Each structure stands twice: as C-alpha cells, then as structure tokens.
C-alpha cells in the first residue's frame, strides 16, 4: 500500500447532502414541536427523536398533504 492508497481521514461523505436552514419560531410553536417529538419518542422507544427529526417529519408530512391538495385542485 502506497501513501496515495491510504484511506482518507475524517468523516465519509454522504451521498445525499443536507442543507442547513435557520429560522425563528414562536415559543408556543416550539413547545408544540417538542410535544410532537415526545409523542414520537413514546411510539418509537428504540429511536432517539430530536427536535430536528420532528421538524423534518412535520415538514415532509405537511408537504405531502399540500401536494395532494394541489393535485385535487389542479394546480402545481
């Protein structure tokens, strides 16, 4: 094995890069998100559900519902 063949150091690259998004939310909405994350944690005790996981899930579900609504209305 030569020096050029040695494995790279550090974290391996992900196939699907994730972008970062910073936003401000009212404290009441953050509380609702945390409650949702806690409910998910109870349903899935083997997983560690973070606030970010809960937000990603809520966005994905919300977008799916809205896309279906737009299809029914004939827009999008």
N, C-alpha and C. Protein backbone atom coordinates (compact mmCIF):
# COMPACT_ATOMS: atom_id res chain seq x y z
N UNK A 1 0.85 -1.18 0.00
CA UNK A 1 0.00 0.00 0.00
C UNK A 1 0.89 1.23 0.00
N UNK A 2 0.65 2.12 -0.93
CA UNK A 2 1.44 3.34 -1.00
C UNK A 2 0.76 4.45 -0.21
N UNK A 3 1.45 5.52 -0.09
CA UNK A 3 0.90 6.67 0.63
C UNK A 3 -0.36 7.19 -0.05
N UNK A 4 -0.41 7.12 -1.38
CA UNK A 4 -1.57 7.62 -2.10
C UNK A 4 -2.78 6.70 -1.96
N UNK A 5 -2.55 5.43 -1.62
CA UNK A 5 -3.64 4.48 -1.47
C UNK A 5 -4.22 4.45 -0.06
N UNK A 6 -3.64 5.20 0.86
CA UNK A 6 -4.11 5.15 2.25
C UNK A 6 -5.51 5.73 2.35
N UNK A 7 -6.31 5.19 3.27
CA UNK A 7 -7.68 5.69 3.42
C UNK A 7 -7.68 7.14 3.89
N UNK A 8 -8.69 7.88 3.47
CA UNK A 8 -8.81 9.28 3.86
C UNK A 8 -9.25 9.38 5.31
N UNK A 9 -8.77 10.41 5.97
CA UNK A 9 -9.17 10.64 7.35
C UNK A 9 -10.45 11.46 7.39
N UNK A 10 -11.12 11.37 8.50
CA UNK A 10 -12.32 12.17 8.70
C UNK A 10 -13.59 11.41 8.37
N UNK A 11 -14.66 12.13 8.45
CA UNK A 11 -15.99 11.56 8.23
C UNK A 11 -16.19 11.29 6.74
N UNK A 12 -16.76 10.12 6.40
CA UNK A 12 -17.02 9.85 4.99
C UNK A 12 -18.10 10.77 4.44
N UNK A 13 -18.02 11.07 3.15
CA UNK A 13 -19.02 11.93 2.52
C UNK A 13 -20.36 11.22 2.44
N UNK A 14 -21.41 11.98 2.63
CA UNK A 14 -22.76 11.44 2.48
C UNK A 14 -23.15 11.51 1.01
N UNK A 15 -23.93 10.54 0.57
CA UNK A 15 -24.42 10.55 -0.80
C UNK A 15 -25.40 11.70 -1.03
N UNK A 16 -26.21 11.97 -0.04
CA UNK A 16 -27.24 12.99 -0.16
C UNK A 16 -26.93 14.11 0.83
N UNK A 17 -26.42 15.22 0.33
CA UNK A 17 -26.06 16.33 1.20
C UNK A 17 -27.32 17.01 1.73
N UNK A 18 -27.24 17.48 2.95
CA UNK A 18 -28.37 18.17 3.57
C UNK A 18 -28.01 19.63 3.73
N UNK A 19 -28.93 20.49 3.40
CA UNK A 19 -28.72 21.92 3.60
C UNK A 19 -29.16 22.33 4.99
N UNK A 20 -28.62 23.42 5.46
CA UNK A 20 -29.00 23.94 6.77
C UNK A 20 -29.97 25.10 6.59
N UNK A 21 -30.92 25.18 7.48
CA UNK A 21 -31.92 26.24 7.43
C UNK A 21 -32.13 26.76 8.85
N UNK A 22 -31.91 28.03 9.03
CA UNK A 22 -32.12 28.65 10.35
C UNK A 22 -33.39 29.49 10.29
N UNK A 23 -34.22 29.35 11.30
CA UNK A 23 -35.44 30.14 11.35
C UNK A 23 -35.83 30.38 12.80
N UNK A 24 -36.62 31.41 12.99
CA UNK A 24 -37.14 31.74 14.31
C UNK A 24 -38.59 31.32 14.38
N UNK A 25 -38.96 30.73 15.50
CA UNK A 25 -40.33 30.26 15.70
C UNK A 25 -40.84 30.79 17.03
N UNK A 26 -42.14 31.05 17.12
CA UNK A 26 -42.71 31.44 18.41
C UNK A 26 -42.53 30.31 19.43
N UNK A 27 -42.34 30.68 20.68
CA UNK A 27 -42.10 29.68 21.73
C UNK A 27 -43.23 28.67 21.82
N UNK A 28 -44.46 29.11 21.57
CA UNK A 28 -45.61 28.19 21.63
C UNK A 28 -45.48 27.10 20.56
N UNK A 29 -45.02 27.48 19.37
CA UNK A 29 -44.85 26.51 18.29
C UNK A 29 -43.70 25.55 18.61
N UNK A 30 -42.63 26.07 19.20
CA UNK A 30 -41.52 25.22 19.62
C UNK A 30 -42.01 24.21 20.66
N UNK A 31 -42.87 24.65 21.56
CA UNK A 31 -43.45 23.74 22.55
C UNK A 31 -44.29 22.65 21.90
N UNK A 32 -45.06 23.02 20.88
CA UNK A 32 -45.85 22.03 20.15
C UNK A 32 -44.95 21.02 19.44
N UNK A 33 -43.87 21.50 18.86
CA UNK A 33 -42.93 20.61 18.18
C UNK A 33 -42.28 19.66 19.18
N UNK A 34 -41.89 20.19 20.33
CA UNK A 34 -41.29 19.34 21.36
C UNK A 34 -42.28 18.28 21.86
N UNK A 35 -43.55 18.67 21.98
CA UNK A 35 -44.56 17.70 22.41
C UNK A 35 -44.73 16.62 21.35
N UNK A 36 -44.70 17.00 20.08
CA UNK A 36 -44.78 16.03 18.99
C UNK A 36 -43.57 15.09 19.03
N UNK A 37 -42.39 15.64 19.26
CA UNK A 37 -41.18 14.81 19.35
C UNK A 37 -41.29 13.82 20.51
N UNK A 38 -41.83 14.28 21.63
CA UNK A 38 -42.00 13.39 22.79
C UNK A 38 -43.01 12.29 22.49
N UNK A 39 -44.08 12.62 21.77
CA UNK A 39 -45.07 11.60 21.40
C UNK A 39 -44.46 10.58 20.45
N UNK A 40 -43.65 11.05 19.50
CA UNK A 40 -42.96 10.11 18.60
C UNK A 40 -42.00 9.21 19.39
N UNK A 41 -41.32 9.81 20.36
CA UNK A 41 -40.37 9.05 21.18
C UNK A 41 -41.09 7.93 21.94
N UNK A 42 -42.30 8.21 22.41
CA UNK A 42 -43.08 7.19 23.11
C UNK A 42 -43.52 6.08 22.16
N UNK A 43 -43.88 6.45 20.92
CA UNK A 43 -44.31 5.46 19.93
C UNK A 43 -43.15 4.63 19.42
N UNK A 44 -41.95 5.21 19.38
CA UNK A 44 -40.77 4.55 18.84
C UNK A 44 -39.66 4.56 19.89
N UNK A 45 -39.80 3.77 20.95
CA UNK A 45 -38.87 3.86 22.07
C UNK A 45 -37.42 3.48 21.73
N UNK A 46 -37.20 2.75 20.66
CA UNK A 46 -35.84 2.36 20.31
C UNK A 46 -35.06 3.45 19.59
N UNK A 47 -35.75 4.52 19.20
CA UNK A 47 -35.09 5.59 18.47
C UNK A 47 -34.96 6.83 19.34
N UNK A 48 -33.93 7.63 19.07
CA UNK A 48 -33.76 8.90 19.75
C UNK A 48 -34.31 9.99 18.83
N UNK A 49 -35.48 10.51 19.12
CA UNK A 49 -36.14 11.51 18.29
C UNK A 49 -35.74 12.89 18.78
N UNK A 50 -35.08 13.65 17.92
CA UNK A 50 -34.67 15.01 18.27
C UNK A 50 -35.70 16.01 17.76
N UNK A 51 -35.56 17.25 18.18
CA UNK A 51 -36.43 18.30 17.68
C UNK A 51 -36.28 18.44 16.16
N UNK A 52 -35.05 18.35 15.68
CA UNK A 52 -34.80 18.44 14.24
C UNK A 52 -35.49 17.30 13.49
N UNK A 53 -35.45 16.09 14.06
CA UNK A 53 -36.15 14.95 13.44
C UNK A 53 -37.65 15.23 13.35
N UNK A 54 -38.21 15.76 14.42
CA UNK A 54 -39.64 16.06 14.45
C UNK A 54 -39.99 17.12 13.41
N UNK A 55 -39.16 18.14 13.30
CA UNK A 55 -39.43 19.20 12.32
C UNK A 55 -39.36 18.65 10.91
N UNK A 56 -38.35 17.81 10.61
CA UNK A 56 -38.24 17.20 9.28
C UNK A 56 -39.48 16.36 8.97
N UNK A 57 -39.96 15.60 9.96
CA UNK A 57 -41.15 14.75 9.77
C UNK A 57 -42.38 15.60 9.52
N UNK A 58 -42.55 16.66 10.31
CA UNK A 58 -43.70 17.54 10.14
C UNK A 58 -43.69 18.23 8.77
N UNK A 59 -42.54 18.67 8.33
CA UNK A 59 -42.44 19.31 7.02
C UNK A 59 -42.76 18.31 5.92
N UNK A 60 -42.19 17.10 6.01
CA UNK A 60 -42.44 16.09 4.97
C UNK A 60 -43.92 15.74 4.88
N UNK A 61 -44.56 15.54 6.02
CA UNK A 61 -46.00 15.20 6.04
C UNK A 61 -46.82 16.38 5.52
N UNK A 62 -46.49 17.58 5.97
CA UNK A 62 -47.21 18.76 5.52
C UNK A 62 -47.09 18.97 4.02
N UNK A 63 -45.90 18.79 3.47
CA UNK A 63 -45.72 18.93 2.03
C UNK A 63 -46.48 17.87 1.25
N UNK A 64 -46.50 16.65 1.77
CA UNK A 64 -47.23 15.58 1.09
C UNK A 64 -48.73 15.89 1.05
N UNK A 65 -49.26 16.35 2.16
CA UNK A 65 -50.68 16.70 2.23
C UNK A 65 -50.99 17.84 1.27
N UNK A 66 -50.15 18.86 1.25
CA UNK A 66 -50.37 20.01 0.38
C UNK A 66 -50.24 19.62 -1.10
N UNK A 67 -49.30 18.77 -1.43
CA UNK A 67 -49.16 18.32 -2.81
C UNK A 67 -50.40 17.56 -3.27
N UNK A 68 -50.95 16.73 -2.39
CA UNK A 68 -52.19 16.02 -2.73
C UNK A 68 -53.34 17.00 -2.91
N UNK A 69 -53.40 18.01 -2.06
CA UNK A 69 -54.46 19.02 -2.17
C UNK A 69 -54.34 19.77 -3.49
N UNK A 70 -53.11 20.15 -3.86
CA UNK A 70 -52.90 20.85 -5.12
C UNK A 70 -53.27 19.99 -6.32
N UNK A 71 -52.98 18.69 -6.23
CA UNK A 71 -53.34 17.79 -7.33
C UNK A 71 -54.86 17.74 -7.52
N UNK A 72 -55.57 17.71 -6.41
CA UNK A 72 -57.04 17.68 -6.48
C UNK A 72 -57.60 18.97 -7.05
N UNK A 73 -56.94 20.09 -6.73
CA UNK A 73 -57.40 21.39 -7.21
C UNK A 73 -56.93 21.68 -8.63
N UNK A 74 -55.99 20.88 -9.13
CA UNK A 74 -55.49 21.07 -10.48
C UNK A 74 -54.37 22.08 -10.61
N UNK A 75 -53.83 22.55 -9.50
CA UNK A 75 -52.69 23.44 -9.57
C UNK A 75 -51.45 22.72 -9.06
N UNK A 76 -50.30 23.21 -9.40
CA UNK A 76 -48.98 22.67 -9.07
C UNK A 76 -48.58 21.51 -9.87
